[in-house]
Amino acid sequence: MPNIASVLKNEIARVARKEVRGEIAGLKKAVVTHRAEIAALKRRAQALEQALRRLAKAGAKAGPVGVDEGAAPSQRFSAKGLASQRKRLALSAAGCGLLVGASGQSVYNWESGKARPQTKHLSALATLKSLGKKEVAARLAALQEAA
């Protein structure tokens, strides 16, 4: 005669396997659908990247749009360069901002790398590079008198 404990143990194991199989079946279906969605998203991302590369190539062939003649060299900006220019010209951030048409806080943000100057400010910063201390002081005095 079989031991009641072993029969009970076998029955519990059989019922547990049946329950686990039922739970796993639902999870397997979910995994299959997630993998299919991931594969579709990867294909879509790859197609978009290819389209972006094609557009970039077409844009490069067409040339830059809206660039003024002679403005290309002034489009470069360096936060360190701006700080050294201010130091060379003995300008405060507020004075530099007044000369280029921005606020002193904007100049601080440009120098710290938190922000980048707009195109109109970039051209003003480029002209500032060509000026000397005396000329900058004269322009700053004229601007402060007008204000």
N, C-alpha and C. Protein backbone atom coordinates (compact mmCIF):
# COMPACT_ATOMS: atom_id res chain seq x y z
N MET A 1 0.84 -1.17 0.00
CA MET A 1 0.00 0.00 0.00
C MET A 1 0.89 1.24 0.00
N PRO A 2 0.61 2.20 -0.96
CA PRO A 2 1.44 3.38 -1.05
C PRO A 2 1.25 4.29 0.16
N ASN A 3 2.28 4.97 0.44
CA ASN A 3 2.27 5.91 1.55
C ASN A 3 1.43 7.12 1.15
N ILE A 4 0.53 7.56 2.00
CA ILE A 4 -0.37 8.68 1.70
C ILE A 4 0.42 9.96 1.50
N ALA A 5 1.52 10.11 2.20
CA ALA A 5 2.33 11.31 2.08
C ALA A 5 2.95 11.41 0.70
N SER A 6 3.48 10.30 0.16
CA SER A 6 4.09 10.33 -1.17
C SER A 6 3.04 10.56 -2.25
N VAL A 7 1.85 9.99 -2.11
CA VAL A 7 0.76 10.21 -3.07
C VAL A 7 0.36 11.68 -3.05
N LEU A 8 0.22 12.24 -1.87
CA LEU A 8 -0.15 13.65 -1.74
C LEU A 8 0.93 14.55 -2.33
N LYS A 9 2.19 14.21 -2.07
CA LYS A 9 3.30 14.99 -2.60
C LYS A 9 3.32 14.94 -4.13
N ASN A 10 3.12 13.79 -4.71
CA ASN A 10 3.08 13.64 -6.18
C ASN A 10 1.93 14.43 -6.79
N GLU A 11 0.77 14.38 -6.14
CA GLU A 11 -0.41 15.10 -6.64
C GLU A 11 -0.18 16.62 -6.58
N ILE A 12 0.42 17.09 -5.50
CA ILE A 12 0.71 18.52 -5.36
C ILE A 12 1.71 18.95 -6.44
N ALA A 13 2.73 18.15 -6.70
CA ALA A 13 3.72 18.47 -7.73
C ALA A 13 3.07 18.52 -9.10
N ARG A 14 2.14 17.56 -9.39
CA ARG A 14 1.46 17.54 -10.68
C ARG A 14 0.59 18.78 -10.87
N VAL A 15 -0.15 19.16 -9.85
CA VAL A 15 -1.02 20.34 -9.93
C VAL A 15 -0.16 21.61 -10.06
N ALA A 16 0.96 21.66 -9.35
CA ALA A 16 1.84 22.83 -9.43
C ALA A 16 2.42 22.97 -10.84
N ARG A 17 2.86 21.83 -11.43
CA ARG A 17 3.40 21.89 -12.81
C ARG A 17 2.34 22.37 -13.79
N LYS A 18 1.11 21.91 -13.60
CA LYS A 18 0.01 22.32 -14.48
C LYS A 18 -0.23 23.83 -14.38
N GLU A 19 -0.23 24.34 -13.15
CA GLU A 19 -0.43 25.78 -12.94
C GLU A 19 0.71 26.59 -13.54
N VAL A 20 1.94 26.15 -13.34
CA VAL A 20 3.11 26.85 -13.86
C VAL A 20 3.07 26.88 -15.39
N ARG A 21 2.69 25.70 -15.99
CA ARG A 21 2.58 25.63 -17.45
C ARG A 21 1.57 26.65 -17.97
N GLY A 22 0.46 26.80 -17.28
CA GLY A 22 -0.57 27.76 -17.69
C GLY A 22 -0.06 29.20 -17.60
N GLU A 23 0.69 29.50 -16.55
CA GLU A 23 1.25 30.85 -16.40
C GLU A 23 2.32 31.12 -17.44
N ILE A 24 3.15 30.15 -17.69
CA ILE A 24 4.26 30.32 -18.64
C ILE A 24 3.74 30.50 -20.06
N ALA A 25 2.65 29.85 -20.40
CA ALA A 25 2.09 29.97 -21.76
C ALA A 25 1.72 31.43 -22.05
N GLY A 26 1.09 32.09 -21.09
CA GLY A 26 0.74 33.51 -21.27
C GLY A 26 1.97 34.38 -21.40
N LEU A 27 3.00 34.09 -20.60
CA LEU A 27 4.23 34.86 -20.66
C LEU A 27 4.95 34.65 -21.99
N LYS A 28 4.94 33.41 -22.48
CA LYS A 28 5.60 33.12 -23.77
C LYS A 28 4.93 33.91 -24.89
N LYS A 29 3.60 33.98 -24.87
CA LYS A 29 2.89 34.76 -25.88
C LYS A 29 3.29 36.23 -25.81
N ALA A 30 3.38 36.76 -24.59
CA ALA A 30 3.75 38.17 -24.42
C ALA A 30 5.17 38.42 -24.93
N VAL A 31 6.09 37.49 -24.64
CA VAL A 31 7.47 37.64 -25.09
C VAL A 31 7.53 37.64 -26.61
N VAL A 32 6.78 36.75 -27.25
CA VAL A 32 6.78 36.69 -28.71
C VAL A 32 6.26 37.99 -29.30
N THR A 33 5.19 38.55 -28.75
CA THR A 33 4.66 39.80 -29.30
C THR A 33 5.63 40.95 -29.05
N HIS A 34 6.27 40.97 -27.87
CA HIS A 34 7.23 42.04 -27.58
C HIS A 34 8.43 41.97 -28.52
N ARG A 35 8.91 40.77 -28.77
CA ARG A 35 10.05 40.63 -29.68
C ARG A 35 9.68 41.07 -31.09
N ALA A 36 8.46 40.75 -31.51
CA ALA A 36 8.01 41.18 -32.84
C ALA A 36 7.93 42.70 -32.91
N GLU A 37 7.41 43.33 -31.85
CA GLU A 37 7.33 44.79 -31.81
C GLU A 37 8.71 45.43 -31.82
N ILE A 38 9.64 44.84 -31.06
CA ILE A 38 11.01 45.37 -31.02
C ILE A 38 11.66 45.27 -32.39
N ALA A 39 11.46 44.14 -33.06
CA ALA A 39 12.04 43.97 -34.40
C ALA A 39 11.45 45.00 -35.37
N ALA A 40 10.15 45.23 -35.27
CA ALA A 40 9.51 46.22 -36.15
C ALA A 40 10.04 47.62 -35.86
N LEU A 41 10.24 47.95 -34.59
CA LEU A 41 10.78 49.26 -34.23
C LEU A 41 12.22 49.42 -34.72
N LYS A 42 13.01 48.35 -34.63
CA LYS A 42 14.39 48.42 -35.13
C LYS A 42 14.41 48.65 -36.63
N ARG A 43 13.53 47.95 -37.36
CA ARG A 43 13.46 48.15 -38.81
C ARG A 43 13.05 49.59 -39.13
N ARG A 44 12.09 50.11 -38.39
CA ARG A 44 11.63 51.48 -38.62
C ARG A 44 12.73 52.49 -38.32
N ALA A 45 13.45 52.28 -37.22
CA ALA A 45 14.55 53.18 -36.87
C ALA A 45 15.64 53.15 -37.94
N GLN A 46 15.94 51.96 -38.44
CA GLN A 46 16.96 51.82 -39.48
C GLN A 46 16.52 52.54 -40.76
N ALA A 47 15.24 52.40 -41.12
CA ALA A 47 14.74 53.07 -42.31
C ALA A 47 14.79 54.59 -42.14
N LEU A 48 14.46 55.08 -40.97
CA LEU A 48 14.51 56.52 -40.71
C LEU A 48 15.94 57.04 -40.75
N GLU A 49 16.88 56.27 -40.21
CA GLU A 49 18.28 56.69 -40.25
C GLU A 49 18.78 56.75 -41.69
N GLN A 50 18.39 55.78 -42.51
CA GLN A 50 18.78 55.80 -43.92
C GLN A 50 18.20 57.01 -44.63
N ALA A 51 16.94 57.31 -44.34
CA ALA A 51 16.30 58.47 -44.95
C ALA A 51 17.01 59.75 -44.51
N LEU A 52 17.40 59.82 -43.25
CA LEU A 52 18.11 60.99 -42.74
C LEU A 52 19.46 61.15 -43.42
N ARG A 53 20.17 60.05 -43.61
CA ARG A 53 21.46 60.12 -44.31
C ARG A 53 21.27 60.59 -45.75
N ARG A 54 20.23 60.07 -46.41
CA ARG A 54 19.96 60.50 -47.79
C ARG A 54 19.66 62.00 -47.85
N LEU A 55 18.86 62.48 -46.90
CA LEU A 55 18.53 63.90 -46.87
C LEU A 55 19.77 64.74 -46.56
N ALA A 56 20.62 64.25 -45.68
CA ALA A 56 21.84 64.99 -45.35
C ALA A 56 22.74 65.08 -46.57
N LYS A 57 22.84 63.99 -47.32
CA LYS A 57 23.66 64.02 -48.54
C LYS A 57 23.07 64.99 -49.56
N ALA A 58 21.75 64.96 -49.70
CA ALA A 58 21.10 65.86 -50.65
C ALA A 58 21.27 67.31 -50.21
N GLY A 59 21.19 67.56 -48.91
CA GLY A 59 21.37 68.92 -48.39
C GLY A 59 22.80 69.39 -48.56
N ALA A 60 23.75 68.49 -48.43
CA ALA A 60 25.16 68.86 -48.59
C ALA A 60 25.46 69.21 -50.05
N LYS A 61 24.83 68.50 -50.96
CA LYS A 61 25.03 68.78 -52.38
C LYS A 61 24.41 70.12 -52.77
N ALA A 62 23.27 70.44 -52.15
CA ALA A 62 22.57 71.67 -52.50
C ALA A 62 23.28 72.89 -51.92
N GLY A 63 24.05 72.71 -50.86
CA GLY A 63 24.75 73.83 -50.23
C GLY A 63 23.96 74.36 -49.07
N PRO A 64 24.59 75.12 -48.20
CA PRO A 64 23.90 75.65 -47.04
C PRO A 64 22.83 76.66 -47.43
N VAL A 65 21.77 76.68 -46.67
CA VAL A 65 20.64 77.55 -46.96
C VAL A 65 20.70 78.77 -46.07
N GLY A 66 20.53 79.94 -46.63
CA GLY A 66 20.41 81.18 -45.88
C GLY A 66 21.71 81.71 -45.30
N VAL A 67 22.84 81.35 -45.85
CA VAL A 67 24.11 81.85 -45.34
C VAL A 67 24.47 83.12 -46.10
N ASP A 68 24.75 84.18 -45.35
CA ASP A 68 25.15 85.44 -45.97
C ASP A 68 26.58 85.33 -46.45
N GLU A 69 26.90 86.10 -47.50
CA GLU A 69 28.27 86.06 -47.98
C GLU A 69 29.18 86.73 -46.97
N GLY A 70 30.28 86.08 -46.67
CA GLY A 70 31.23 86.61 -45.71
C GLY A 70 30.87 86.30 -44.26
N ALA A 71 29.74 85.68 -44.01
CA ALA A 71 29.33 85.40 -42.65
C ALA A 71 29.78 84.02 -42.19
N ALA A 72 30.27 83.19 -43.08
CA ALA A 72 30.65 81.82 -42.73
C ALA A 72 31.75 81.78 -41.67
N PRO A 73 32.82 82.58 -41.77
CA PRO A 73 33.85 82.50 -40.74
C PRO A 73 33.37 82.94 -39.36
N SER A 74 32.38 83.82 -39.29
CA SER A 74 31.94 84.33 -38.00
C SER A 74 30.97 83.38 -37.30
N GLN A 75 30.61 82.27 -37.92
CA GLN A 75 29.66 81.36 -37.31
C GLN A 75 30.30 80.49 -36.23
N ARG A 76 31.62 80.42 -36.20
CA ARG A 76 32.29 79.62 -35.19
C ARG A 76 32.25 80.35 -33.86
N PHE A 77 32.08 79.57 -32.78
CA PHE A 77 32.01 80.17 -31.45
C PHE A 77 32.71 79.27 -30.45
N SER A 78 33.47 79.89 -29.58
CA SER A 78 34.16 79.18 -28.52
C SER A 78 33.95 79.95 -27.22
N ALA A 79 33.48 79.25 -26.20
CA ALA A 79 33.23 79.89 -24.91
C ALA A 79 34.55 80.39 -24.31
N LYS A 80 35.59 79.58 -24.44
CA LYS A 80 36.90 79.99 -23.93
C LYS A 80 37.41 81.21 -24.68
N GLY A 81 37.17 81.23 -26.00
CA GLY A 81 37.60 82.35 -26.81
C GLY A 81 36.92 83.65 -26.41
N LEU A 82 35.64 83.55 -26.09
CA LEU A 82 34.90 84.75 -25.67
C LEU A 82 35.45 85.26 -24.34
N ALA A 83 35.73 84.35 -23.44
CA ALA A 83 36.27 84.76 -22.14
C ALA A 83 37.63 85.43 -22.31
N SER A 84 38.47 84.90 -23.18
CA SER A 84 39.79 85.52 -23.39
C SER A 84 39.66 86.86 -24.11
N GLN A 85 38.69 87.00 -25.01
CA GLN A 85 38.45 88.29 -25.69
C GLN A 85 38.04 89.35 -24.67
N ARG A 86 37.13 88.95 -23.78
CA ARG A 86 36.69 89.91 -22.75
C ARG A 86 37.86 90.33 -21.87
N LYS A 87 38.67 89.37 -21.52
CA LYS A 87 39.84 89.67 -20.68
C LYS A 87 40.82 90.57 -21.42
N ARG A 88 41.05 90.28 -22.70
CA ARG A 88 41.99 91.07 -23.51
C ARG A 88 41.51 92.50 -23.64
N LEU A 89 40.19 92.67 -23.80
CA LEU A 89 39.63 94.01 -23.99
C LEU A 89 39.26 94.68 -22.67
N ALA A 90 39.48 93.99 -21.57
CA ALA A 90 39.16 94.51 -20.23
C ALA A 90 37.68 94.92 -20.14
N LEU A 91 36.81 94.03 -20.60
CA LEU A 91 35.38 94.29 -20.61
C LEU A 91 34.68 93.51 -19.52
N SER A 92 33.67 94.10 -18.93
CA SER A 92 32.81 93.35 -18.02
C SER A 92 31.80 92.59 -18.88
N ALA A 93 31.10 91.64 -18.26
CA ALA A 93 30.10 90.89 -19.00
C ALA A 93 28.98 91.81 -19.47
N ALA A 94 28.61 92.76 -18.61
CA ALA A 94 27.55 93.71 -18.98
C ALA A 94 28.00 94.59 -20.14
N GLY A 95 29.26 95.04 -20.10
CA GLY A 95 29.78 95.87 -21.19
C GLY A 95 29.85 95.10 -22.49
N CYS A 96 30.31 93.86 -22.39
CA CYS A 96 30.38 93.02 -23.60
C CYS A 96 28.97 92.79 -24.15
N GLY A 97 28.03 92.54 -23.24
CA GLY A 97 26.64 92.34 -23.66
C GLY A 97 26.07 93.57 -24.33
N LEU A 98 26.41 94.73 -23.81
CA LEU A 98 25.93 95.98 -24.39
C LEU A 98 26.48 96.17 -25.80
N LEU A 99 27.73 95.80 -25.99
CA LEU A 99 28.35 95.95 -27.31
C LEU A 99 27.76 95.00 -28.36
N VAL A 100 27.40 93.80 -27.93
CA VAL A 100 26.89 92.83 -28.91
C VAL A 100 25.36 92.79 -28.96
N GLY A 101 24.71 93.53 -28.06
CA GLY A 101 23.24 93.58 -28.10
C GLY A 101 22.59 92.47 -27.29
N ALA A 102 23.22 92.09 -26.18
CA ALA A 102 22.66 91.06 -25.30
C ALA A 102 22.84 91.51 -23.86
N SER A 103 22.36 90.70 -22.94
CA SER A 103 22.51 91.04 -21.52
C SER A 103 23.82 90.46 -20.98
N GLY A 104 24.23 90.97 -19.84
CA GLY A 104 25.43 90.46 -19.19
C GLY A 104 25.28 89.00 -18.79
N GLN A 105 24.07 88.63 -18.37
CA GLN A 105 23.82 87.23 -17.99
C GLN A 105 23.96 86.31 -19.19
N SER A 106 23.54 86.78 -20.35
CA SER A 106 23.71 85.98 -21.57
C SER A 106 25.18 85.72 -21.84
N VAL A 107 25.99 86.75 -21.65
CA VAL A 107 27.43 86.60 -21.87
C VAL A 107 27.99 85.56 -20.91
N TYR A 108 27.57 85.60 -19.63
CA TYR A 108 28.02 84.60 -18.67
C TYR A 108 27.59 83.19 -19.10
N ASN A 109 26.37 83.07 -19.58
CA ASN A 109 25.88 81.76 -20.02
C ASN A 109 26.65 81.26 -21.24
N TRP A 110 27.00 82.17 -22.14
CA TRP A 110 27.80 81.77 -23.32
C TRP A 110 29.17 81.28 -22.88
N GLU A 111 29.78 82.00 -21.94
CA GLU A 111 31.12 81.64 -21.49
C GLU A 111 31.14 80.34 -20.71
N SER A 112 30.07 80.06 -19.97
CA SER A 112 30.04 78.83 -19.18
C SER A 112 29.59 77.64 -20.01
N GLY A 113 29.13 77.89 -21.24
CA GLY A 113 28.69 76.80 -22.10
C GLY A 113 27.25 76.39 -21.88
N LYS A 114 26.51 77.14 -21.07
CA LYS A 114 25.11 76.82 -20.82
C LYS A 114 24.22 77.20 -22.00
N ALA A 115 24.69 78.15 -22.80
CA ALA A 115 23.91 78.63 -23.95
C ALA A 115 24.86 78.96 -25.08
N ARG A 116 24.28 79.10 -26.27
CA ARG A 116 25.06 79.46 -27.45
C ARG A 116 24.46 80.74 -28.03
N PRO A 117 25.29 81.68 -28.45
CA PRO A 117 24.75 82.94 -28.98
C PRO A 117 23.96 82.74 -30.27
N GLN A 118 22.99 83.60 -30.47
CA GLN A 118 22.22 83.57 -31.71
C GLN A 118 23.10 84.11 -32.84
N THR A 119 22.65 83.92 -34.07
CA THR A 119 23.42 84.31 -35.24
C THR A 119 23.73 85.81 -35.24
N LYS A 120 22.76 86.63 -34.85
CA LYS A 120 23.00 88.07 -34.84
C LYS A 120 24.08 88.45 -33.83
N HIS A 121 24.14 87.71 -32.71
CA HIS A 121 25.17 87.97 -31.72
C HIS A 121 26.53 87.43 -32.17
N LEU A 122 26.50 86.33 -32.92
CA LEU A 122 27.76 85.76 -33.41
C LEU A 122 28.48 86.75 -34.32
N SER A 123 27.73 87.42 -35.19
CA SER A 123 28.37 88.39 -36.09
C SER A 123 28.92 89.58 -35.30
N ALA A 124 28.20 90.00 -34.26
CA ALA A 124 28.69 91.10 -33.42
C ALA A 124 29.93 90.68 -32.65
N LEU A 125 29.96 89.42 -32.19
CA LEU A 125 31.15 88.92 -31.48
C LEU A 125 32.34 88.83 -32.43
N ALA A 126 32.08 88.51 -33.68
CA ALA A 126 33.16 88.43 -34.66
C ALA A 126 33.76 89.82 -34.92
N THR A 127 32.92 90.84 -34.98
CA THR A 127 33.45 92.18 -35.19
C THR A 127 34.20 92.67 -33.94
N LEU A 128 33.78 92.19 -32.78
CA LEU A 128 34.43 92.56 -31.53
C LEU A 128 35.88 92.06 -31.50
N LYS A 129 36.13 90.93 -32.18
CA LYS A 129 37.49 90.37 -32.21
C LYS A 129 38.47 91.28 -32.93
N SER A 130 37.97 92.03 -33.90
CA SER A 130 38.87 92.86 -34.70
C SER A 130 39.14 94.23 -34.05
N LEU A 131 38.48 94.53 -32.95
CA LEU A 131 38.63 95.84 -32.33
C LEU A 131 39.72 95.82 -31.26
N GLY A 132 40.28 96.99 -31.00
CA GLY A 132 41.26 97.15 -29.94
C GLY A 132 40.61 97.72 -28.69
N LYS A 133 41.40 97.83 -27.62
CA LYS A 133 40.89 98.32 -26.34
C LYS A 133 40.32 99.72 -26.43
N LYS A 134 41.04 100.62 -27.11
CA LYS A 134 40.60 102.02 -27.18
C LYS A 134 39.30 102.14 -27.97
N GLU A 135 39.24 101.42 -29.08
CA GLU A 135 38.03 101.50 -29.91
C GLU A 135 36.83 100.92 -29.17
N VAL A 136 37.04 99.82 -28.44
CA VAL A 136 35.96 99.23 -27.66
C VAL A 136 35.50 100.18 -26.57
N ALA A 137 36.45 100.82 -25.91
CA ALA A 137 36.09 101.77 -24.85
C ALA A 137 35.29 102.93 -25.43
N ALA A 138 35.69 103.42 -26.62
CA ALA A 138 34.97 104.53 -27.25
C ALA A 138 33.55 104.12 -27.62
N ARG A 139 33.41 102.94 -28.21
CA ARG A 139 32.07 102.46 -28.59
C ARG A 139 31.20 102.25 -27.36
N LEU A 140 31.78 101.69 -26.32
CA LEU A 140 31.03 101.44 -25.09
C LEU A 140 30.58 102.76 -24.46
N ALA A 141 31.44 103.76 -24.45
CA ALA A 141 31.08 105.07 -23.91
C ALA A 141 29.95 105.68 -24.73
N ALA A 142 30.02 105.55 -26.06
CA ALA A 142 28.95 106.10 -26.91
C ALA A 142 27.63 105.40 -26.64
N LEU A 143 27.69 104.10 -26.45
CA LEU A 143 26.46 103.34 -26.20
C LEU A 143 25.87 103.69 -24.82
N GLN A 144 26.73 103.90 -23.85
CA GLN A 144 26.25 104.23 -22.51
C GLN A 144 25.68 105.65 -22.47
N GLU A 145 26.22 106.56 -23.27
CA GLU A 145 25.67 107.92 -23.33
C GLU A 145 24.30 107.91 -23.99
N ALA A 146 24.14 107.06 -25.01
CA ALA A 146 22.88 107.00 -25.72
C ALA A 146 21.79 106.36 -24.85
N ALA A 147 22.18 105.52 -23.93
CA ALA A 147 21.19 104.81 -23.09
C ALA A 147 20.72 105.62 -21.93
